[in-house]
Protein backbone atom coordinates (compact mmCIF):
# COMPACT_ATOMS: atom_id res chain seq x y z
CA MET A 1 205.25 78.51 -6.90
CA GLU A 2 203.38 77.19 -9.96
CA LYS A 3 199.51 78.72 -10.12
CA LYS A 4 197.86 75.76 -10.37
CA TYR A 5 199.34 74.55 -6.69
CA GLU A 6 199.12 78.19 -5.27
CA ALA A 7 195.64 76.46 -3.29
CA LEU A 8 197.81 73.99 -1.54
CA ARG A 9 199.81 76.84 0.09
CA LEU A 10 199.37 76.03 4.13
CA LYS A 11 198.69 80.05 4.30
CA ASN A 12 195.57 79.57 1.69
CA GLN A 13 194.15 77.52 3.54
CA LEU A 14 190.86 78.27 6.15
CA CYS A 15 191.05 75.19 7.95
CA PHE A 16 194.93 75.51 9.54
CA PRO A 17 193.95 79.06 11.23
CA LEU A 18 190.88 77.31 12.51
CA TYR A 19 192.46 73.89 13.51
CA ALA A 20 195.57 76.35 15.22
CA VAL A 21 193.42 78.65 17.05
CA SER A 22 191.26 75.65 18.27
CA ASN A 23 194.72 73.97 19.37
CA MET A 24 195.62 77.42 21.00
CA ILE A 25 191.86 77.75 23.18
CA THR A 26 192.26 74.57 24.40
CA ARG A 27 195.63 75.24 26.01
CA LYS A 28 194.57 78.48 26.87
CA TYR A 29 191.52 76.44 29.21
CA LYS A 30 193.50 73.71 30.32
CA PRO A 31 195.13 75.19 33.64
CA LEU A 32 191.50 76.90 34.35
CA LEU A 33 189.86 73.71 33.73
CA ASP A 34 192.32 71.72 35.57
CA GLN A 35 191.77 73.53 38.87
CA LEU A 36 188.40 72.24 38.39
CA ASP A 37 189.40 68.46 37.60
CA LEU A 38 187.69 68.62 33.85
CA THR A 39 188.94 68.14 30.33
CA TYR A 40 187.39 70.35 28.07
CA THR A 41 185.31 67.78 26.40
CA GLN A 42 183.87 66.91 29.94
CA TYR A 43 183.29 70.88 30.44
CA ILE A 44 181.62 71.79 27.31
CA VAL A 45 179.04 68.78 28.20
CA MET A 46 178.93 70.07 31.63
CA MET A 47 177.34 73.92 30.16
CA VAL A 48 175.01 71.91 28.42
CA LEU A 49 173.52 69.98 31.67
CA TRP A 50 174.23 73.70 33.53
CA GLU A 51 172.04 75.35 30.90
CA GLN A 52 169.30 72.08 31.03
CA SER A 53 168.99 69.51 32.97
CA PRO A 54 168.03 67.03 32.53
CA VAL A 55 168.94 65.99 28.96
CA ASN A 56 169.19 62.88 26.83
CA GLU A 57 171.94 61.42 25.21
CA LYS A 58 171.09 62.36 21.88
CA PHE A 59 170.13 66.19 22.83
CA LEU A 60 174.00 65.92 24.13
CA CYS A 61 175.21 64.61 20.93
CA GLU A 62 173.32 67.14 18.55
CA SER A 63 174.31 70.35 21.19
CA LEU A 64 177.86 69.04 21.04
CA CYS A 65 178.35 68.12 17.91
CA LEU A 66 179.74 64.79 19.24
CA LYS A 67 179.34 60.92 17.93
CA SER A 68 177.71 59.05 20.92
CA ASN A 69 180.50 56.68 20.80
CA THR A 70 182.26 59.83 21.75
CA LEU A 71 180.26 61.35 24.57
CA THR A 72 179.88 57.77 26.02
CA PRO A 73 183.38 58.07 27.64
CA LEU A 74 183.06 61.69 28.68
CA LEU A 75 179.60 60.64 30.82
CA LYS A 76 181.16 57.77 32.44
CA LYS A 77 184.08 60.11 33.67
CA LEU A 78 181.48 62.51 34.76
CA GLU A 79 179.52 60.01 36.45
CA ALA A 80 182.20 58.35 38.29
CA LYS A 81 183.49 62.50 39.27
CA GLY A 82 179.92 62.26 40.66
CA TYR A 83 178.85 65.54 38.62
CA ILE A 84 176.36 63.45 37.05
CA LYS A 85 174.15 60.49 36.96
CA LYS A 86 172.50 58.41 34.15
CA GLU A 87 169.63 56.52 33.83
CA LYS A 88 166.85 54.77 31.98
CA ASP A 89 164.10 57.39 29.96
CA ALA A 90 161.38 56.20 32.07
CA ASP A 91 158.76 56.76 28.87
CA ASP A 92 161.54 54.74 26.95
CA GLU A 93 164.33 52.40 28.38
CA ARG A 94 166.49 53.20 24.98
CA ASN A 95 166.55 56.67 26.25
CA LEU A 96 169.42 57.36 28.38
CA VAL A 97 168.77 60.80 30.53
CA ILE A 98 171.30 62.82 31.94
CA ALA A 99 170.75 65.58 34.83
CA LEU A 100 173.20 66.88 37.33
CA THR A 101 174.12 65.73 40.64
CA ASP A 102 174.19 68.24 43.52
CA SER A 103 178.01 68.32 43.06
CA GLY A 104 177.68 69.24 39.38
CA VAL A 105 175.30 72.14 39.77
CA MET A 106 178.26 73.53 42.88
CA LEU A 107 181.10 72.89 40.08
CA ARG A 108 179.10 75.54 38.53
CA GLU A 109 180.18 78.00 40.94
CA LYS A 110 183.42 77.39 40.51
CA ALA A 111 183.36 77.61 36.79
CA VAL A 112 181.55 81.01 36.64
CA CYS A 113 184.63 82.69 36.48
CA VAL A 114 186.39 80.16 33.28
CA PRO A 115 184.52 82.54 30.68
CA GLU A 116 185.97 85.87 31.64
CA ALA A 117 189.21 84.43 32.49
CA ILE A 118 189.50 83.13 28.97
CA ALA A 119 188.00 86.27 27.22
CA ARG A 120 190.84 88.23 28.70
CA GLU A 121 193.60 85.91 27.16
CA PHE A 122 191.96 87.47 23.31
CA HIS A 123 192.51 91.08 22.80
CA LEU A 124 189.28 91.59 20.26
CA SER A 125 187.01 94.11 20.22
CA GLN A 126 183.17 93.05 21.03
CA GLU A 127 182.61 93.97 17.31
CA GLU A 128 185.17 91.39 16.33
CA ALA A 129 184.19 88.55 18.98
CA ILE A 130 180.50 88.97 17.73
CA PHE A 131 181.69 88.92 14.21
CA LEU A 132 184.06 85.91 14.73
CA TYR A 133 181.26 84.21 16.76
CA GLN A 134 178.52 84.64 13.80
CA ILE A 135 180.48 83.60 11.40
CA LEU A 136 181.47 80.47 13.13
CA TYR A 137 178.42 79.23 13.65
CA LYS A 138 176.82 80.00 10.68
CA MET A 139 179.02 77.24 9.00
CA LEU A 140 178.38 75.22 11.91
CA ASP A 141 174.45 75.23 11.54
CA GLU A 142 174.84 74.93 7.72
CA GLU A 143 176.89 71.14 8.53
CA ARG A 144 174.20 70.63 11.19
CA MET A 145 170.96 71.24 8.24
CA ARG A 146 173.44 69.26 5.87
CA SER A 147 173.51 66.20 8.49
CA HIS A 148 169.88 65.93 9.08
CA GLU A 149 169.30 66.23 5.25
CA GLU A 150 171.43 63.33 4.84
CA LEU A 151 169.21 61.31 7.87
């Protein structure tokens, strides 16, 4: 291959291993989340709500790097399952407030084993896991800062 095309080789792309690992991780979550009747994206919404509830829709979008048009159907499905409730903000009706229901709170107990089960799937030392976490969050944080500057 000519040198000028070297950068186009799949093995030289950062995006490909990130994409492939992301898919692999999501596949590993699937059987665990099927037991909870959640998709991966519903699961990450629930994780935010298990940390803090109630929250507004904008907070969820920012926390999860999702657009509102992606989050809206997720919230509808979680509400239909009885895990969350949505209400207009009393102070500003344009804001939607999302809160856990009792069922959503109880689901947390069933989900508590998921992170440990996933961690066992990957043979990373604690140092490797921390390093990977730091690099990935550095990339996310830089993108978030750029997005806020564009607004």
